[in-house]
N, C-alpha and C. Protein backbone atom coordinates (compact mmCIF):
# COMPACT_ATOMS: atom_id res chain seq x y z
N MET A 1 0.83 -1.13 -0.05
CA MET A 1 0.07 -0.03 -0.01
C MET A 1 0.99 1.19 0.01
N SER A 2 0.72 2.31 -0.85
CA SER A 2 1.42 3.43 -0.95
C SER A 2 0.90 4.41 0.11
N THR A 3 2.03 5.35 0.39
CA THR A 3 1.94 6.44 1.32
C THR A 3 0.89 7.38 0.67
N GLN A 4 0.00 8.03 1.41
CA GLN A 4 -0.85 9.20 1.07
C GLN A 4 -0.55 10.37 1.89
N SER A 5 0.29 11.45 1.11
CA SER A 5 0.40 12.54 1.91
C SER A 5 -0.42 13.71 1.37
N VAL A 6 -0.41 14.77 2.01
CA VAL A 6 -1.33 15.94 1.69
C VAL A 6 -0.37 17.12 1.70
N ILE A 7 -0.72 17.84 0.58
CA ILE A 7 -0.03 19.04 0.21
C ILE A 7 -1.13 20.10 0.06
N ALA A 8 -0.98 21.25 1.02
CA ALA A 8 -1.97 22.18 1.08
C ALA A 8 -1.43 23.65 0.88
N VAL A 9 -2.35 24.67 0.54
CA VAL A 9 -1.91 25.93 0.25
C VAL A 9 -2.92 26.92 0.94
N LYS A 10 -2.38 27.77 1.83
CA LYS A 10 -3.34 28.82 2.33
C LYS A 10 -3.01 30.05 1.32
N SER A 11 -4.05 30.27 0.64
CA SER A 11 -4.09 31.34 -0.33
C SER A 11 -4.22 32.92 0.00
N GLU A 12 -3.41 33.55 0.39
CA GLU A 12 -3.79 34.90 0.66
C GLU A 12 -4.19 35.65 -0.56
N ALA A 13 -3.56 35.59 -1.73
CA ALA A 13 -3.62 36.59 -2.68
C ALA A 13 -5.18 36.18 -3.31
N SER A 14 -5.68 34.89 -3.67
CA SER A 14 -6.80 34.66 -4.28
C SER A 14 -8.02 34.67 -3.31
N GLY A 15 -7.75 34.57 -2.13
CA GLY A 15 -8.72 34.56 -0.98
C GLY A 15 -9.73 33.25 -1.05
N VAL A 16 -8.96 32.33 -1.62
CA VAL A 16 -9.78 30.89 -1.57
C VAL A 16 -9.77 30.29 -0.18
N GLY A 17 -9.02 30.65 0.68
CA GLY A 17 -8.80 29.91 2.03
C GLY A 17 -7.62 28.76 1.82
N ILE A 18 -7.88 27.75 2.41
CA ILE A 18 -6.89 26.51 2.35
C ILE A 18 -7.48 25.36 1.49
N VAL A 19 -6.60 25.05 0.53
CA VAL A 19 -6.85 24.29 -0.49
C VAL A 19 -5.72 23.11 -0.50
N SER A 20 -6.17 21.80 -0.61
CA SER A 20 -5.27 20.68 -0.48
C SER A 20 -5.65 19.67 -1.61
N SER A 21 -4.42 18.85 -2.00
CA SER A 21 -4.68 17.77 -2.78
C SER A 21 -3.52 16.66 -2.26
N ASN A 22 -3.91 15.40 -2.91
CA ASN A 22 -3.23 14.23 -2.21
C ASN A 22 -1.97 13.90 -3.12
N LEU A 23 -0.92 13.57 -2.27
CA LEU A 23 0.17 13.03 -3.00
C LEU A 23 0.40 11.47 -2.71
N TYR A 24 0.33 10.62 -3.65
CA TYR A 24 0.35 9.26 -3.61
C TYR A 24 1.66 8.84 -3.72
N GLY A 25 2.19 7.80 -2.91
CA GLY A 25 3.58 7.40 -2.98
C GLY A 25 4.67 8.34 -2.49
N GLY A 26 3.97 9.29 -1.71
CA GLY A 26 5.06 10.27 -1.04
C GLY A 26 5.56 9.78 0.24
N ASP A 27 6.40 8.82 0.23
CA ASP A 27 7.01 8.34 1.45
C ASP A 27 8.26 8.88 1.75
N ASP A 28 9.01 9.57 0.84
CA ASP A 28 10.27 10.15 1.10
C ASP A 28 10.12 11.87 1.46
N ILE A 29 10.00 11.89 2.85
CA ILE A 29 9.64 13.26 3.14
C ILE A 29 10.84 14.23 2.91
N ASN A 30 12.09 13.84 2.95
CA ASN A 30 13.21 14.84 2.67
C ASN A 30 13.10 15.25 1.20
N ARG A 31 12.74 14.26 0.25
CA ARG A 31 12.83 14.49 -1.19
C ARG A 31 11.58 15.49 -1.37
N ILE A 32 10.36 15.25 -0.79
CA ILE A 32 9.17 16.03 -1.09
C ILE A 32 9.42 17.46 -0.53
N ALA A 33 10.07 17.76 0.79
CA ALA A 33 10.40 18.81 1.26
C ALA A 33 10.98 19.76 0.50
N ARG A 34 12.42 19.04 0.04
CA ARG A 34 13.29 19.65 -0.85
C ARG A 34 12.56 20.28 -2.06
N ILE A 35 11.82 19.48 -2.60
CA ILE A 35 11.38 20.03 -3.95
C ILE A 35 10.23 21.07 -3.74
N LEU A 36 9.44 20.90 -2.75
CA LEU A 36 8.44 22.02 -2.55
C LEU A 36 9.21 23.07 -2.23
N CYS A 37 10.19 23.21 -1.26
CA CYS A 37 10.93 24.26 -0.96
C CYS A 37 11.56 24.98 -1.87
N THR A 38 12.19 24.23 -2.96
CA THR A 38 13.25 24.94 -3.87
C THR A 38 12.46 25.19 -5.20
N CYS A 39 11.48 24.29 -5.38
CA CYS A 39 10.72 24.52 -6.92
C CYS A 39 9.43 25.10 -6.81
N TYR A 40 8.66 25.07 -5.69
CA TYR A 40 7.40 25.91 -5.59
C TYR A 40 7.38 26.71 -4.26
N SER A 41 8.52 27.61 -4.52
CA SER A 41 8.65 28.51 -3.40
C SER A 41 7.86 29.76 -2.88
N ASP A 42 7.29 30.13 -4.11
CA ASP A 42 6.10 31.25 -3.93
C ASP A 42 4.82 30.92 -4.07
N GLU A 43 3.83 31.95 -3.62
CA GLU A 43 2.52 31.30 -3.38
C GLU A 43 2.06 30.97 -4.82
N GLU A 44 2.23 31.67 -5.96
CA GLU A 44 1.70 31.41 -7.11
C GLU A 44 2.26 29.99 -7.70
N GLU A 45 3.31 29.55 -7.55
CA GLU A 45 3.79 28.42 -7.81
C GLU A 45 3.33 27.28 -6.93
N ALA A 46 2.94 27.49 -5.79
CA ALA A 46 2.35 26.63 -4.85
C ALA A 46 0.94 26.17 -5.13
N GLU A 47 0.18 27.50 -5.37
CA GLU A 47 -1.25 27.40 -5.94
C GLU A 47 -1.42 26.74 -7.32
N GLU A 48 -0.35 26.82 -8.06
CA GLU A 48 -0.56 26.14 -9.56
C GLU A 48 -0.33 24.76 -9.30
N LEU A 49 0.52 24.08 -8.36
CA LEU A 49 0.70 22.98 -7.98
C LEU A 49 -0.71 22.18 -7.67
N ILE A 50 -1.07 22.87 -6.60
CA ILE A 50 -2.52 22.18 -6.07
C ILE A 50 -3.56 22.23 -7.12
N GLN A 51 -3.67 23.50 -7.90
CA GLN A 51 -4.86 23.37 -9.16
C GLN A 51 -4.66 22.28 -10.02
N GLU A 52 -3.79 21.44 -10.13
CA GLU A 52 -3.67 20.22 -10.89
C GLU A 52 -4.34 19.08 -10.33
N GLY A 53 -4.68 19.08 -8.95
CA GLY A 53 -5.35 18.02 -8.25
C GLY A 53 -4.17 16.98 -7.62
N ASP A 54 -4.86 15.81 -7.46
CA ASP A 54 -3.96 14.75 -6.96
C ASP A 54 -2.72 14.34 -7.75
N ILE A 55 -1.69 14.24 -6.93
CA ILE A 55 -0.39 13.97 -7.62
C ILE A 55 0.05 12.40 -7.52
N SER A 56 0.44 11.97 -8.64
CA SER A 56 0.98 10.65 -8.49
C SER A 56 2.59 10.69 -8.22
N HIS A 57 3.18 11.64 -8.95
CA HIS A 57 4.57 11.76 -8.71
C HIS A 57 5.14 13.15 -8.54
N LEU A 58 5.60 13.71 -7.54
CA LEU A 58 6.00 15.00 -7.42
C LEU A 58 7.47 15.33 -7.97
N ASP A 59 7.54 16.25 -8.81
CA ASP A 59 9.13 16.54 -9.24
C ASP A 59 9.22 17.97 -9.56
N GLU A 60 10.19 18.50 -10.13
CA GLU A 60 10.67 19.73 -10.27
C GLU A 60 9.87 20.61 -11.13
N TYR A 61 9.28 20.15 -12.05
CA TYR A 61 8.64 20.73 -13.06
C TYR A 61 7.14 20.55 -13.21
N LEU A 62 6.14 21.41 -13.30
CA LEU A 62 4.88 21.18 -13.45
C LEU A 62 4.66 20.64 -14.98
N TYR A 63 5.31 21.16 -15.88
CA TYR A 63 5.10 20.94 -17.28
C TYR A 63 6.21 20.47 -18.11
N GLU A 64 6.17 19.63 -19.03
CA GLU A 64 7.10 19.10 -19.89
C GLU A 64 7.94 20.19 -20.49
N HIS A 65 9.30 19.94 -20.28
CA HIS A 65 10.30 20.86 -20.87
C HIS A 65 11.31 20.31 -21.95
N ASP A 66 10.99 19.30 -22.19
CA ASP A 66 11.88 18.57 -23.19
C ASP A 66 10.99 18.26 -24.34
N ASP A 67 11.01 18.85 -25.49
CA ASP A 67 10.30 18.58 -26.76
C ASP A 67 10.42 17.04 -27.21
N ASP A 68 11.47 16.39 -26.87
CA ASP A 68 11.73 15.15 -27.34
C ASP A 68 10.98 14.00 -26.61
N VAL A 69 10.36 14.45 -25.43
CA VAL A 69 9.52 13.35 -24.77
C VAL A 69 8.18 13.99 -24.59
N LYS A 70 7.15 13.20 -25.15
CA LYS A 70 5.62 13.33 -24.87
C LYS A 70 5.19 12.97 -23.50
N HIS A 71 5.16 13.77 -22.71
CA HIS A 71 4.71 13.56 -21.32
C HIS A 71 3.29 12.86 -21.20
N SER A 72 3.11 11.78 -20.42
CA SER A 72 2.06 11.26 -20.05
C SER A 72 2.04 10.53 -18.74
N PHE A 73 0.76 10.01 -18.27
CA PHE A 73 0.98 9.07 -17.03
C PHE A 73 1.76 7.93 -17.19
N GLU A 74 1.68 7.37 -18.42
CA GLU A 74 2.59 5.97 -18.56
C GLU A 74 3.96 6.37 -19.14
N ASN A 75 4.20 7.55 -19.56
CA ASN A 75 5.58 8.07 -20.20
C ASN A 75 5.99 9.34 -19.63
N ARG A 76 6.33 9.23 -18.33
CA ARG A 76 6.86 10.48 -17.70
C ARG A 76 8.01 11.29 -18.33
N SER A 77 7.91 12.45 -18.53
CA SER A 77 8.94 13.21 -18.95
C SER A 77 9.65 13.63 -17.76
N PRO A 78 11.14 13.33 -18.04
CA PRO A 78 12.02 13.60 -16.91
C PRO A 78 11.97 14.79 -16.17
N GLY A 79 11.79 14.67 -14.64
CA GLY A 79 11.67 16.11 -13.86
C GLY A 79 10.27 16.56 -13.75
N VAL A 80 9.20 16.07 -14.50
CA VAL A 80 7.96 16.50 -14.59
C VAL A 80 6.96 15.95 -13.65
N CYS A 81 6.17 16.49 -12.89
CA CYS A 81 5.10 16.02 -12.00
C CYS A 81 4.02 15.29 -12.87
N VAL A 82 3.67 14.16 -12.12
CA VAL A 82 2.57 13.48 -12.88
C VAL A 82 1.24 13.63 -12.03
N PHE A 83 0.21 13.93 -12.76
CA PHE A 83 -1.01 14.24 -12.02
C PHE A 83 -2.27 13.28 -12.56
N TYR A 84 -3.09 12.75 -11.75
CA TYR A 84 -4.15 11.99 -12.07
C TYR A 84 -5.02 12.60 -13.20
N HIS A 85 -5.47 13.72 -12.92
CA HIS A 85 -6.31 14.50 -13.65
C HIS A 85 -5.68 14.85 -15.20
N ARG A 86 -4.77 15.54 -15.06
CA ARG A 86 -4.03 16.12 -16.33
C ARG A 86 -3.52 14.97 -17.19
N ASP A 87 -2.79 13.90 -16.54
CA ASP A 87 -2.12 13.06 -17.26
C ASP A 87 -2.69 11.74 -17.46
N ARG A 88 -3.77 11.37 -16.60
CA ARG A 88 -4.49 10.12 -16.90
C ARG A 88 -6.13 10.20 -17.26
N GLY A 89 -6.51 11.60 -17.18
CA GLY A 89 -7.87 11.76 -17.32
C GLY A 89 -8.83 11.57 -16.11
N ASP A 90 -8.36 11.25 -14.94
CA ASP A 90 -9.36 10.93 -13.87
C ASP A 90 -9.90 12.18 -13.52
N ARG A 91 -10.83 12.16 -12.66
CA ARG A 91 -11.62 13.34 -12.16
C ARG A 91 -10.74 14.33 -11.32
N LEU A 92 -10.88 15.64 -11.71
CA LEU A 92 -10.14 16.56 -10.94
C LEU A 92 -10.56 16.64 -9.51
N TYR A 93 -9.47 16.40 -8.74
CA TYR A 93 -9.70 16.33 -7.03
C TYR A 93 -8.92 17.37 -6.35
N TYR A 94 -9.42 18.12 -5.61
CA TYR A 94 -8.72 18.90 -4.53
C TYR A 94 -9.82 19.51 -3.44
N LYS A 95 -9.48 19.77 -2.28
CA LYS A 95 -10.42 19.82 -1.25
C LYS A 95 -10.16 21.34 -0.46
N ASN A 96 -11.30 21.98 -0.12
CA ASN A 96 -11.32 23.06 0.49
C ASN A 96 -11.33 22.83 1.92
N HIS A 97 -10.65 23.70 2.79
CA HIS A 97 -10.79 23.32 4.13
C HIS A 97 -11.08 24.74 4.80
N GLN A 98 -11.98 24.76 5.97
CA GLN A 98 -12.49 25.99 6.50
C GLN A 98 -11.37 26.48 7.53
N SER A 99 -10.33 25.92 7.88
CA SER A 99 -9.34 26.34 8.93
C SER A 99 -8.20 25.26 8.94
N GLU A 100 -6.98 25.66 9.71
CA GLU A 100 -5.95 24.75 9.77
C GLU A 100 -6.35 23.77 10.56
N GLU A 101 -7.08 23.89 11.69
CA GLU A 101 -7.59 22.79 12.42
C GLU A 101 -8.22 21.64 11.71
N THR A 102 -9.16 21.88 10.93
CA THR A 102 -9.83 21.26 9.90
C THR A 102 -8.89 20.45 9.10
N LEU A 103 -7.91 20.96 8.34
CA LEU A 103 -7.04 20.44 7.50
C LEU A 103 -6.22 19.46 8.41
N ILE A 104 -5.74 19.89 9.70
CA ILE A 104 -4.85 18.83 10.43
C ILE A 104 -5.61 17.67 10.66
N ARG A 105 -7.15 17.98 11.24
CA ARG A 105 -7.83 16.76 11.47
C ARG A 105 -8.08 15.86 10.28
N GLU A 106 -8.34 16.46 9.17
CA GLU A 106 -8.68 15.53 8.04
C GLU A 106 -7.49 14.85 7.53
N SER A 107 -6.33 15.30 7.63
CA SER A 107 -4.94 14.82 7.19
C SER A 107 -4.63 13.68 7.99
N LYS A 108 -4.97 13.74 9.27
CA LYS A 108 -4.50 12.72 10.28
C LYS A 108 -4.93 11.20 9.81
N SER A 109 -5.96 11.10 8.78
CA SER A 109 -6.36 9.97 8.40
C SER A 109 -5.50 9.19 7.21
N ARG A 110 -4.68 10.21 6.86
CA ARG A 110 -3.68 9.70 5.65
C ARG A 110 -2.36 9.13 6.50
N SER A 111 -1.90 8.02 5.80
CA SER A 111 -0.65 7.31 6.11
C SER A 111 0.82 8.35 5.83
N GLY A 112 0.65 9.32 5.27
CA GLY A 112 1.88 10.31 5.00
C GLY A 112 1.83 11.39 5.75
N SER A 113 2.68 12.49 5.10
CA SER A 113 2.86 13.59 5.85
C SER A 113 1.86 14.93 5.52
N LEU A 114 1.83 15.86 6.12
CA LEU A 114 1.06 16.98 5.58
C LEU A 114 1.97 18.22 5.51
N PHE A 115 2.19 18.63 4.23
CA PHE A 115 2.82 19.72 3.76
C PHE A 115 2.00 20.87 3.61
N PHE A 116 2.33 22.09 4.20
CA PHE A 116 1.37 23.28 4.07
C PHE A 116 2.05 24.42 3.83
N TYR A 117 1.79 25.07 2.70
CA TYR A 117 2.29 26.46 2.25
C TYR A 117 1.38 27.62 2.92
N LYS A 118 1.94 28.39 3.81
CA LYS A 118 1.38 29.43 4.44
C LYS A 118 2.42 30.46 4.82
N ASN A 119 2.04 31.78 4.80
CA ASN A 119 2.76 32.77 5.19
C ASN A 119 4.16 32.91 4.57
N GLU A 120 4.12 32.54 2.95
CA GLU A 120 5.20 32.50 2.24
C GLU A 120 6.18 31.58 2.42
N LYS A 121 5.77 30.46 3.15
CA LYS A 121 6.88 29.38 3.48
C LYS A 121 6.12 28.15 3.56
N TRP A 122 6.86 26.93 3.25
CA TRP A 122 6.38 25.65 3.47
C TRP A 122 6.71 25.10 4.81
N HIS A 123 5.75 24.41 5.27
CA HIS A 123 5.80 23.82 6.63
C HIS A 123 5.37 22.46 6.41
N VAL A 124 6.04 21.40 7.44
CA VAL A 124 5.58 20.03 7.55
C VAL A 124 4.91 20.03 9.02
N LEU A 125 3.92 19.04 9.16
CA LEU A 125 3.25 18.84 10.28
C LEU A 125 3.97 17.83 11.13
N PHE A 126 4.34 18.26 12.46
CA PHE A 126 5.04 17.13 13.36
C PHE A 126 4.18 17.39 14.67
N GLY A 127 3.53 16.15 14.95
CA GLY A 127 2.44 16.10 16.04
C GLY A 127 1.28 17.02 15.65
N ASN A 128 1.25 18.16 16.33
CA ASN A 128 0.08 18.99 16.10
C ASN A 128 0.37 20.33 15.92
N GLN A 129 2.04 20.42 15.35
CA GLN A 129 2.65 21.64 15.20
C GLN A 129 3.25 21.70 13.69
N PHE A 130 3.04 22.80 13.06
CA PHE A 130 3.77 23.02 11.86
C PHE A 130 5.25 23.35 12.06
N ILE A 131 6.09 22.88 11.39
CA ILE A 131 7.45 23.13 11.43
C ILE A 131 8.02 23.70 10.10
N GLU A 132 8.56 25.01 9.93
CA GLU A 132 9.19 25.58 8.71
C GLU A 132 10.05 24.70 8.05
N ILE A 133 9.86 24.55 6.88
CA ILE A 133 10.95 23.98 5.92
C ILE A 133 11.78 24.93 5.31
N THR A 134 13.15 24.74 5.38
CA THR A 134 14.03 25.68 4.71
C THR A 134 14.96 24.98 4.07
N PRO A 135 15.50 25.50 2.82
CA PRO A 135 16.57 24.93 2.13
C PRO A 135 17.87 24.37 2.63
N GLU A 136 18.06 25.07 3.80
CA GLU A 136 19.43 24.68 4.53
C GLU A 136 19.21 23.32 5.20
N MET A 137 17.92 22.82 5.43
CA MET A 137 17.80 21.45 6.00
C MET A 137 18.27 20.39 5.12
N PHE A 138 18.54 20.79 3.83
CA PHE A 138 18.79 19.59 2.89
C PHE A 138 20.11 19.77 2.17
N GLU A 139 20.99 20.54 2.78
CA GLU A 139 22.37 20.71 2.18
C GLU A 139 23.06 19.54 2.40
N ASN A 140 22.98 18.72 3.24
CA ASN A 140 23.86 17.36 3.62
C ASN A 140 22.95 16.29 3.12
N VAL A 141 21.82 16.22 2.56
CA VAL A 141 20.98 15.08 2.22
C VAL A 141 21.34 14.77 0.78
N VAL A 142 21.54 13.64 0.50
CA VAL A 142 21.77 12.96 -0.87
C VAL A 142 20.45 12.91 -1.54
N ALA A 143 20.25 13.66 -2.77
CA ALA A 143 18.97 13.34 -3.35
C ALA A 143 18.90 12.10 -4.12
């Protein structure tokens, strides 16, 4: 059984509140945190990631950047995220949450971690507390 993490964004600019999508197979917390912190580091990038819905594979790019590879669910372009809706045609799914407390409570039923973009920073939930993720945390981690 694969791990199911949650990636959520609190949108200050658009005023939509807290929106989340699921990340399946997200069992490498260091890899996920590093990618979120370095590749989706501003609110616009974080929101764009969530707008694609549930994620099969998180990576550095949202869209294909290599004209030689036609990206799809079965034929992933190197370094590109794979989404169930966009790349396989599944129903678009993301969830709105009324508050951080609701987000935490609902994510506790998942087997993975909760990653949350708020106040212009990525955080990860440990216990009932969000810890800020910083690029320095991954300086000595082998990718």
